[in-house]
Amino acid sequence: MDIGFILSGFIVGLLVGLTGVGGGSLMTPILVLFFHIKPALAVGTDLLYASVTKSVGIFAHGKLGNIDWKIVKRLMFGSIPASILTTFYLKQIDITSTGAVDIIKFYLGIALLLTSIAVIFRPYLIERSKVTLLKSDNAIAIATILLGLVLGGMVTLTSVGAGALGVTALLLIYPRIGITKIVGTDIAHAVPLTLVAGLGHVSLGTVDYSLLGVLLIGSIPGIYIGSHLSSRVSEQTVRYVLALILIYVGQKFIFH
């Protein structure tokens, strides 16, 4: 069984290295659908998994100056309180009950479908992101905080949204910032968000530490190999395949 978890970690890490997307979007569904891990336990374990794997990206993007810390702070102003409130909500219900499991699966499916849309249309948004939708800095700040609010709740409940959805929304809010800096900023925000959300799940008892360690054994070399293969593999092909997988898995959760 450990071999299966290691292989899953490797595959997800490979996709993250190739496209920058796939961490929470694939790991939680794999754990739930293929290994029959309880949804809440899969989400909690995946959140700490994401905080560890994405922390490497902070150092890499930080050295290259690809992080806008002002945007990160604005996002955290909305996401951290939302994460804490969502954790508090989960503490008030029986997360092992059939009703709670169905709720988590439903919103996980919604998050996966939204992520697939973001993955498909990201190149289009990059091309069209020269149009400024928000004029004033106050409007931009409020939109960023609201984005953080949505991401905080979604990520804590499903572990999905901190990657592709965050990048896509930031491209719309900050059209004049390059994609590399947007990605670096999104990763810098994802680390504290997934850490806070993960610690919230620790307090709920929905983290499997041995599973976390096994997944990391596979994912770390996967990310390394994927990042080195990214220039040799058709990113567009991988992106469309990933989107189709997300659509299939998303509808499976929604109509379960």
C-alpha atoms as a PDB file:
ATOM      1  CA  MET A   1       0.000   0.000   0.000  1.00  0.00           C
ATOM      2  CA  ASP A   2       2.899   2.328   0.772  1.00  0.00           C
ATOM      3  CA  ILE A   3       4.158   1.816  -2.788  1.00  0.00           C
ATOM      4  CA  GLY A   4       0.821   3.077  -4.094  1.00  0.00           C
ATOM      5  CA  PHE A   5       1.009   6.202  -1.939  1.00  0.00           C
ATOM      6  CA  ILE A   6       4.625   6.857  -2.971  1.00  0.00           C
ATOM      7  CA  LEU A   7       3.700   6.432  -6.655  1.00  0.00           C
ATOM      8  CA  SER A   8       0.725   8.772  -6.233  1.00  0.00           C
ATOM      9  CA  GLY A   9       2.951  11.371  -4.581  1.00  0.00           C
ATOM     10  CA  PHE A  10       5.437  11.040  -7.438  1.00  0.00           C
ATOM     11  CA  ILE A  11       2.774  11.458 -10.153  1.00  0.00           C
ATOM     12  CA  VAL A  12       1.235  14.510  -8.470  1.00  0.00           C
ATOM     13  CA  GLY A  13       4.688  15.987  -7.872  1.00  0.00           C
ATOM     14  CA  LEU A  14       5.559  15.398 -11.527  1.00  0.00           C
ATOM     15  CA  LEU A  15       2.438  17.275 -12.672  1.00  0.00           C
ATOM     16  CA  VAL A  16       3.146  20.122 -10.257  1.00  0.00           C
ATOM     17  CA  GLY A  17       6.673  20.380 -11.651  1.00  0.00           C
ATOM     18  CA  LEU A  18       5.404  20.328 -15.254  1.00  0.00           C
ATOM     19  CA  THR A  19       2.478  22.739 -14.982  1.00  0.00           C
ATOM     20  CA  GLY A  20       2.553  24.364 -11.532  1.00  0.00           C
ATOM     21  CA  VAL A  21      -0.943  22.933 -10.962  1.00  0.00           C
ATOM     22  CA  GLY A  22      -2.116  19.665  -9.495  1.00  0.00           C
ATOM     23  CA  GLY A  23      -1.164  19.548  -5.808  1.00  0.00           C
ATOM     24  CA  GLY A  24      -4.438  19.870  -3.917  1.00  0.00           C
ATOM     25  CA  SER A  25      -6.459  19.415  -7.102  1.00  0.00           C
ATOM     26  CA  LEU A  26      -5.256  15.840  -7.554  1.00  0.00           C
ATOM     27  CA  MET A  27      -3.905  14.551  -4.249  1.00  0.00           C
ATOM     28  CA  THR A  28      -7.147  14.781  -2.271  1.00  0.00           C
ATOM     29  CA  PRO A  29      -9.278  13.149  -5.036  1.00  0.00           C
ATOM     30  CA  ILE A  30      -6.674  10.358  -5.417  1.00  0.00           C
ATOM     31  CA  LEU A  31      -6.705   9.679  -1.683  1.00  0.00           C
ATOM     32  CA  VAL A  32     -10.515   9.616  -1.556  1.00  0.00           C
ATOM     33  CA  LEU A  33     -11.325   7.757  -4.785  1.00  0.00           C
ATOM     34  CA  PHE A  34      -8.466   5.264  -5.085  1.00  0.00           C
ATOM     35  CA  PHE A  35      -7.403   4.693  -1.493  1.00  0.00           C
ATOM     36  CA  HIS A  36     -10.815   5.287   0.116  1.00  0.00           C
ATOM     37  CA  ILE A  37      -9.382   7.697   2.689  1.00  0.00           C
ATOM     38  CA  LYS A  38     -12.114   9.618   4.526  1.00  0.00           C
ATOM     39  CA  PRO A  39     -12.570  13.044   2.856  1.00  0.00           C
ATOM     40  CA  ALA A  40     -11.805  15.111   5.966  1.00  0.00           C
ATOM     41  CA  LEU A  41      -8.633  13.085   6.648  1.00  0.00           C
ATOM     42  CA  ALA A  42      -7.558  13.385   3.012  1.00  0.00           C
ATOM     43  CA  VAL A  43      -8.101  17.165   3.052  1.00  0.00           C
ATOM     44  CA  GLY A  44      -6.222  17.682   6.326  1.00  0.00           C
ATOM     45  CA  THR A  45      -3.252  15.532   5.293  1.00  0.00           C
ATOM     46  CA  ASP A  46      -3.114  17.157   1.852  1.00  0.00           C
ATOM     47  CA  LEU A  47      -3.069  20.656   3.359  1.00  0.00           C
ATOM     48  CA  LEU A  48       0.086  19.962   5.374  1.00  0.00           C
ATOM     49  CA  TYR A  49       1.519  18.147   2.340  1.00  0.00           C
ATOM     50  CA  ALA A  50       0.924  21.287   0.248  1.00  0.00           C
ATOM     51  CA  SER A  51       2.457  23.615   2.854  1.00  0.00           C
ATOM     52  CA  VAL A  52       5.667  21.557   2.832  1.00  0.00           C
ATOM     53  CA  THR A  53       5.974  21.138  -0.948  1.00  0.00           C
ATOM     54  CA  LYS A  54       5.084  24.737  -1.773  1.00  0.00           C
ATOM     55  CA  SER A  55       7.460  26.160   0.833  1.00  0.00           C
ATOM     56  CA  VAL A  56      10.290  25.166  -1.513  1.00  0.00           C
ATOM     57  CA  GLY A  57       8.757  27.471  -4.106  1.00  0.00           C
ATOM     58  CA  ILE A  58       8.921  30.448  -1.741  1.00  0.00           C
ATOM     59  CA  PHE A  59      12.711  30.265  -1.554  1.00  0.00           C
ATOM     60  CA  ALA A  60      13.068  29.812  -5.302  1.00  0.00           C
ATOM     61  CA  HIS A  61      10.716  32.657  -6.254  1.00  0.00           C
ATOM     62  CA  GLY A  62      11.931  34.861  -3.392  1.00  0.00           C
ATOM     63  CA  LYS A  63      15.516  34.758  -4.620  1.00  0.00           C
ATOM     64  CA  LEU A  64      14.356  35.743  -8.100  1.00  0.00           C
ATOM     65  CA  GLY A  65      12.221  38.606  -6.766  1.00  0.00           C
ATOM     66  CA  ASN A  66       9.029  37.006  -8.060  1.00  0.00           C
ATOM     67  CA  ILE A  67       6.905  37.699  -4.975  1.00  0.00           C
ATOM     68  CA  ASP A  68       4.794  40.805  -4.367  1.00  0.00           C
ATOM     69  CA  TRP A  69       4.501  40.776  -0.579  1.00  0.00           C
ATOM     70  CA  LYS A  70       1.898  43.557  -0.557  1.00  0.00           C
ATOM     71  CA  ILE A  71      -0.474  41.311  -2.493  1.00  0.00           C
ATOM     72  CA  VAL A  72       0.368  38.373  -0.212  1.00  0.00           C
ATOM     73  CA  LYS A  73      -0.569  40.455   2.860  1.00  0.00           C
ATOM     74  CA  ARG A  74      -3.843  41.539   1.267  1.00  0.00           C
ATOM     75  CA  LEU A  75      -4.730  37.932   0.450  1.00  0.00           C
ATOM     76  CA  MET A  76      -3.844  36.763   3.962  1.00  0.00           C
ATOM     77  CA  PHE A  77      -6.018  39.506   5.463  1.00  0.00           C
ATOM     78  CA  GLY A  78      -8.993  37.666   3.984  1.00  0.00           C
ATOM     79  CA  SER A  79      -7.836  34.046   3.816  1.00  0.00           C
ATOM     80  CA  ILE A  80      -6.474  33.454   7.329  1.00  0.00           C
ATOM     81  CA  PRO A  81      -9.641  34.616   9.173  1.00  0.00           C
ATOM     82  CA  ALA A  82     -11.761  32.671   6.669  1.00  0.00           C
ATOM     83  CA  SER A  83      -9.679  29.546   7.280  1.00  0.00           C
ATOM     84  CA  ILE A  84     -10.016  29.888  11.051  1.00  0.00           C
ATOM     85  CA  LEU A  85     -13.783  30.428  10.798  1.00  0.00           C
ATOM     86  CA  THR A  86     -14.154  27.413   8.510  1.00  0.00           C
ATOM     87  CA  THR A  87     -12.179  25.281  10.970  1.00  0.00           C
ATOM     88  CA  PHE A  88     -14.438  26.521  13.765  1.00  0.00           C
ATOM     89  CA  TYR A  89     -17.469  25.525  11.681  1.00  0.00           C
ATOM     90  CA  LEU A  90     -16.036  22.038  11.091  1.00  0.00           C
ATOM     91  CA  LYS A  91     -15.535  21.664  14.848  1.00  0.00           C
ATOM     92  CA  GLN A  92     -19.244  22.268  15.400  1.00  0.00           C
ATOM     93  CA  ILE A  93     -20.338  19.373  13.189  1.00  0.00           C
ATOM     94  CA  ASP A  94     -19.603  15.661  13.052  1.00  0.00           C
ATOM     95  CA  ILE A  95     -17.234  15.582  10.088  1.00  0.00           C
ATOM     96  CA  THR A  96     -17.429  11.791   9.956  1.00  0.00           C
ATOM     97  CA  SER A  97     -21.206  11.812   9.443  1.00  0.00           C
ATOM     98  CA  THR A  98     -22.697  10.972   6.059  1.00  0.00           C
ATOM     99  CA  GLY A  99     -24.080  14.496   5.694  1.00  0.00           C
ATOM    100  CA  ALA A 100     -20.715  16.160   6.397  1.00  0.00           C
ATOM    101  CA  VAL A 101     -18.899  13.774   4.045  1.00  0.00           C
ATOM    102  CA  ASP A 102     -21.384  14.547   1.272  1.00  0.00           C
ATOM    103  CA  ILE A 103     -20.937  18.307   1.826  1.00  0.00           C
ATOM    104  CA  ILE A 104     -17.138  18.046   1.609  1.00  0.00           C
ATOM    105  CA  LYS A 105     -17.373  15.884  -1.533  1.00  0.00           C
ATOM    106  CA  PHE A 106     -19.836  18.273  -3.191  1.00  0.00           C
ATOM    107  CA  TYR A 107     -17.721  21.380  -2.606  1.00  0.00           C
ATOM    108  CA  LEU A 108     -14.596  19.437  -3.557  1.00  0.00           C
ATOM    109  CA  GLY A 109     -16.261  18.645  -6.885  1.00  0.00           C
ATOM    110  CA  ILE A 110     -17.215  22.290  -7.421  1.00  0.00           C
ATOM    111  CA  ALA A 111     -13.655  23.391  -6.633  1.00  0.00           C
ATOM    112  CA  LEU A 112     -12.239  20.834  -9.081  1.00  0.00           C
ATOM    113  CA  LEU A 113     -14.534  21.974 -11.904  1.00  0.00           C
ATOM    114  CA  LEU A 114     -13.619  25.617 -11.282  1.00  0.00           C
ATOM    115  CA  THR A 115      -9.943  24.632 -11.275  1.00  0.00           C
ATOM    116  CA  SER A 116     -10.329  22.825 -14.612  1.00  0.00           C
ATOM    117  CA  ILE A 117     -11.822  25.984 -16.141  1.00  0.00           C
ATOM    118  CA  ALA A 118      -8.943  28.039 -14.750  1.00  0.00           C
ATOM    119  CA  VAL A 119      -6.402  25.569 -16.167  1.00  0.00           C
ATOM    120  CA  ILE A 120      -7.965  25.645 -19.644  1.00  0.00           C
ATOM    121  CA  PHE A 121      -8.357  29.411 -19.918  1.00  0.00           C
ATOM    122  CA  ARG A 122      -5.130  30.526 -18.220  1.00  0.00           C
ATOM    123  CA  PRO A 123      -3.233  31.114 -21.524  1.00  0.00           C
ATOM    124  CA  TYR A 124      -6.181  33.137 -22.855  1.00  0.00           C
ATOM    125  CA  LEU A 125      -6.227  35.250 -19.708  1.00  0.00           C
ATOM    126  CA  ILE A 126      -2.494  35.831 -19.952  1.00  0.00           C
ATOM    127  CA  GLU A 127      -2.965  37.111 -23.512  1.00  0.00           C
ATOM    128  CA  ARG A 128      -5.961  39.260 -22.608  1.00  0.00           C
ATOM    129  CA  SER A 129      -4.782  40.428 -19.199  1.00  0.00           C
ATOM    130  CA  LYS A 130      -3.711  43.852 -20.405  1.00  0.00           C
ATOM    131  CA  VAL A 131      -7.172  45.271 -19.775  1.00  0.00           C
ATOM    132  CA  THR A 132      -7.511  46.827 -16.337  1.00  0.00           C
ATOM    133  CA  LEU A 133     -10.882  45.948 -14.811  1.00  0.00           C
ATOM    134  CA  LEU A 134     -10.367  47.803 -11.523  1.00  0.00           C
ATOM    135  CA  LYS A 135      -9.206  51.411 -11.638  1.00  0.00           C
ATOM    136  CA  SER A 136      -8.552  52.512  -8.044  1.00  0.00           C
ATOM    137  CA  ASP A 137      -6.098  50.998  -5.584  1.00  0.00           C
ATOM    138  CA  ASN A 138      -8.878  50.733  -2.979  1.00  0.00           C
ATOM    139  CA  ALA A 139     -11.003  48.633  -5.335  1.00  0.00           C
ATOM    140  CA  ILE A 140      -8.011  46.419  -6.106  1.00  0.00           C
ATOM    141  CA  ALA A 141      -7.242  45.994  -2.393  1.00  0.00           C
ATOM    142  CA  ILE A 142     -10.863  45.074  -1.579  1.00  0.00           C
ATOM    143  CA  ALA A 143     -11.033  42.609  -4.480  1.00  0.00           C
ATOM    144  CA  THR A 144      -7.797  40.974  -3.292  1.00  0.00           C
ATOM    145  CA  ILE A 145      -9.072  40.646   0.291  1.00  0.00           C
ATOM    146  CA  LEU A 146     -12.358  39.162  -0.969  1.00  0.00           C
ATOM    147  CA  LEU A 147     -10.386  36.706  -3.099  1.00  0.00           C
ATOM    148  CA  GLY A 148      -8.423  35.714   0.002  1.00  0.00           C
ATOM    149  CA  LEU A 149     -11.693  35.257   1.873  1.00  0.00           C
ATOM    150  CA  VAL A 150     -13.038  32.859  -0.764  1.00  0.00           C
ATOM    151  CA  LEU A 151      -9.757  30.953  -1.046  1.00  0.00           C
ATOM    152  CA  GLY A 152      -9.437  30.624   2.730  1.00  0.00           C
ATOM    153  CA  GLY A 153     -12.813  28.950   3.099  1.00  0.00           C
ATOM    154  CA  MET A 154     -12.489  26.810  -0.008  1.00  0.00           C
ATOM    155  CA  VAL A 155      -8.966  25.580   0.728  1.00  0.00           C
ATOM    156  CA  THR A 156      -9.765  24.718   4.358  1.00  0.00           C
ATOM    157  CA  LEU A 157     -12.865  22.770   3.352  1.00  0.00           C
ATOM    158  CA  THR A 158     -11.516  21.016   0.232  1.00  0.00           C
ATOM    159  CA  SER A 159      -7.713  21.661   0.041  1.00  0.00           C
ATOM    160  CA  VAL A 160      -8.328  22.889  -3.537  1.00  0.00           C
ATOM    161  CA  GLY A 161      -8.113  26.451  -4.881  1.00  0.00           C
ATOM    162  CA  ALA A 162      -4.806  27.880  -3.705  1.00  0.00           C
ATOM    163  CA  GLY A 163      -3.117  27.153  -7.055  1.00  0.00           C
ATOM    164  CA  ALA A 164      -4.921  27.520 -10.367  1.00  0.00           C
ATOM    165  CA  LEU A 165      -7.903  29.471  -9.021  1.00  0.00           C
ATOM    166  CA  GLY A 166      -5.689  31.893  -7.109  1.00  0.00           C
ATOM    167  CA  VAL A 167      -3.459  32.552 -10.111  1.00  0.00           C
ATOM    168  CA  THR A 168      -6.407  33.022 -12.469  1.00  0.00           C
ATOM    169  CA  ALA A 169      -8.147  35.510 -10.186  1.00  0.00           C
ATOM    170  CA  LEU A 170      -4.927  37.435  -9.560  1.00  0.00           C
ATOM    171  CA  LEU A 171      -4.384  37.760 -13.323  1.00  0.00           C
ATOM    172  CA  LEU A 172      -7.746  39.516 -13.542  1.00  0.00           C
ATOM    173  CA  ILE A 173      -7.140  41.782 -10.538  1.00  0.00           C
ATOM    174  CA  TYR A 174      -3.513  42.635 -11.404  1.00  0.00           C
ATOM    175  CA  PRO A 175      -3.345  42.535 -15.215  1.00  0.00           C
ATOM    176  CA  ARG A 176      -0.116  44.518 -15.439  1.00  0.00           C
ATOM    177  CA  ILE A 177       1.907  42.125 -13.306  1.00  0.00           C
ATOM    178  CA  GLY A 178       3.734  39.373 -15.216  1.00  0.00           C
ATOM    179  CA  ILE A 179       2.625  35.745 -14.939  1.00  0.00           C
ATOM    180  CA  THR A 180       5.881  34.689 -13.250  1.00  0.00           C
ATOM    181  CA  LYS A 181       5.385  37.175 -10.425  1.00  0.00           C
ATOM    182  CA  ILE A 182       1.699  36.231 -10.128  1.00  0.00           C
ATOM    183  CA  VAL A 183       2.637  32.554  -9.748  1.00  0.00           C
ATOM    184  CA  GLY A 184       5.359  33.360  -7.205  1.00  0.00           C
ATOM    185  CA  THR A 185       2.972  35.574  -5.225  1.00  0.00           C
ATOM    186  CA  ASP A 186       0.272  32.904  -5.274  1.00  0.00           C
ATOM    187  CA  ILE A 187       2.707  30.271  -3.972  1.00  0.00           C
ATOM    188  CA  ALA A 188       3.912  32.644  -1.232  1.00  0.00           C
ATOM    189  CA  HIS A 189       0.293  33.077  -0.115  1.00  0.00           C
ATOM    190  CA  ALA A 190      -0.530  29.368  -0.424  1.00  0.00           C
ATOM    191  CA  VAL A 191       2.136  28.323   2.091  1.00  0.00           C
ATOM    192  CA  PRO A 192       0.785  30.203   5.158  1.00  0.00           C
ATOM    193  CA  LEU A 193      -2.806  29.495   4.102  1.00  0.00           C
ATOM    194  CA  THR A 194      -2.308  25.726   3.779  1.00  0.00           C
ATOM    195  CA  LEU A 195      -0.260  25.717   6.978  1.00  0.00           C
ATOM    196  CA  VAL A 196      -2.970  27.499   8.999  1.00  0.00           C
ATOM    197  CA  ALA A 197      -5.682  25.346   7.412  1.00  0.00           C
ATOM    198  CA  GLY A 198      -3.576  22.225   8.012  1.00  0.00           C
ATOM    199  CA  LEU A 199      -3.034  23.123  11.671  1.00  0.00           C
ATOM    200  CA  GLY A 200      -6.773  23.638  11.933  1.00  0.00           C
ATOM    201  CA  HIS A 201      -7.243  20.071  10.731  1.00  0.00           C
ATOM    202  CA  VAL A 202      -4.612  18.934  13.238  1.00  0.00           C
ATOM    203  CA  SER A 203      -6.889  20.323  15.960  1.00  0.00           C
ATOM    204  CA  LEU A 204      -9.737  18.335  14.378  1.00  0.00           C
ATOM    205  CA  GLY A 205      -7.666  15.144  14.365  1.00  0.00           C
ATOM    206  CA  THR A 206      -7.938  14.843  10.580  1.00  0.00           C
ATOM    207  CA  VAL A 207      -4.239  14.520   9.677  1.00  0.00           C
ATOM    208  CA  ASP A 208      -2.426  11.221   9.049  1.00  0.00           C
ATOM    209  CA  TYR A 209       1.266  11.928   9.688  1.00  0.00           C
ATOM    210  CA  SER A 210       2.567   8.578   8.433  1.00  0.00           C
ATOM    211  CA  LEU A 211       0.627   9.051   5.194  1.00  0.00           C
ATOM    212  CA  LEU A 212       2.007  12.588   4.914  1.00  0.00           C
ATOM    213  CA  GLY A 213       5.578  11.289   5.156  1.00  0.00           C
ATOM    214  CA  VAL A 214       5.023   8.594   2.534  1.00  0.00           C
ATOM    215  CA  LEU A 215       3.461  11.068   0.075  1.00  0.00           C
ATOM    216  CA  LEU A 216       6.410  13.436   0.479  1.00  0.00           C
ATOM    217  CA  ILE A 217       8.857  10.606  -0.295  1.00  0.00           C
ATOM    218  CA  GLY A 218       7.285  10.304  -3.728  1.00  0.00           C
ATOM    219  CA  SER A 219       6.414  13.928  -4.463  1.00  0.00           C
ATOM    220  CA  ILE A 220       9.753  15.624  -3.801  1.00  0.00           C
ATOM    221  CA  PRO A 221      11.638  13.731  -6.560  1.00  0.00           C
ATOM    222  CA  GLY A 222       8.529  14.050  -8.751  1.00  0.00           C
ATOM    223  CA  ILE A 223       8.564  17.844  -8.485  1.00  0.00           C
ATOM    224  CA  TYR A 224      12.316  17.924  -9.189  1.00  0.00           C
ATOM    225  CA  ILE A 225      12.017  15.741 -12.307  1.00  0.00           C
ATOM    226  CA  GLY A 226       8.890  17.532 -13.536  1.00  0.00           C
ATOM    227  CA  SER A 227      10.491  20.954 -13.252  1.00  0.00           C
ATOM    228  CA  HIS A 228      13.437  19.778 -15.367  1.00  0.00           C
ATOM    229  CA  LEU A 229      11.177  18.152 -17.982  1.00  0.00           C
ATOM    230  CA  SER A 230       8.864  21.157 -18.297  1.00  0.00           C
ATOM    231  CA  SER A 231      10.873  22.649 -21.170  1.00  0.00           C
ATOM    232  CA  ARG A 232      10.812  19.370 -23.128  1.00  0.00           C
ATOM    233  CA  VAL A 233       7.164  18.361 -22.725  1.00  0.00           C
ATOM    234  CA  SER A 234       4.202  20.054 -24.387  1.00  0.00           C
ATOM    235  CA  GLU A 235       2.756  22.103 -21.532  1.00  0.00           C
ATOM    236  CA  GLN A 236      -0.471  22.593 -23.478  1.00  0.00           C
ATOM    237  CA  THR A 237      -1.039  18.834 -23.852  1.00  0.00           C
ATOM    238  CA  VAL A 238      -0.365  18.178 -20.172  1.00  0.00           C
ATOM    239  CA  ARG A 239      -2.640  21.076 -19.210  1.00  0.00           C
ATOM    240  CA  TYR A 240      -5.572  19.771 -21.266  1.00  0.00           C
ATOM    241  CA  VAL A 241      -5.127  16.230 -19.968  1.00  0.00           C
ATOM    242  CA  LEU A 242      -5.055  17.592 -16.414  1.00  0.00           C
ATOM    243  CA  ALA A 243      -8.207  19.650 -17.069  1.00  0.00           C
ATOM    244  CA  LEU A 244     -10.064  16.588 -18.425  1.00  0.00           C
ATOM    245  CA  ILE A 245      -9.068  14.580 -15.351  1.00  0.00           C
ATOM    246  CA  LEU A 246     -10.288  17.368 -13.068  1.00  0.00           C
ATOM    247  CA  ILE A 247     -13.619  17.580 -14.923  1.00  0.00           C
ATOM    248  CA  TYR A 248     -14.148  13.821 -14.688  1.00  0.00           C
ATOM    249  CA  VAL A 249     -13.260  13.633 -11.002  1.00  0.00           C
ATOM    250  CA  GLY A 250     -15.189  16.824 -10.168  1.00  0.00           C
ATOM    251  CA  GLN A 251     -18.474  15.599 -11.630  1.00  0.00           C
ATOM    252  CA  LYS A 252     -17.923  12.230  -9.938  1.00  0.00           C
ATOM    253  CA  PHE A 253     -17.838  13.948  -6.546  1.00  0.00           C
ATOM    254  CA  ILE A 254     -20.807  16.230  -7.285  1.00  0.00           C
ATOM    255  CA  PHE A 255     -23.113  13.503  -8.589  1.00  0.00           C
ATOM    256  CA  HIS A 256     -21.920  10.807  -6.195  1.00  0.00           C
END
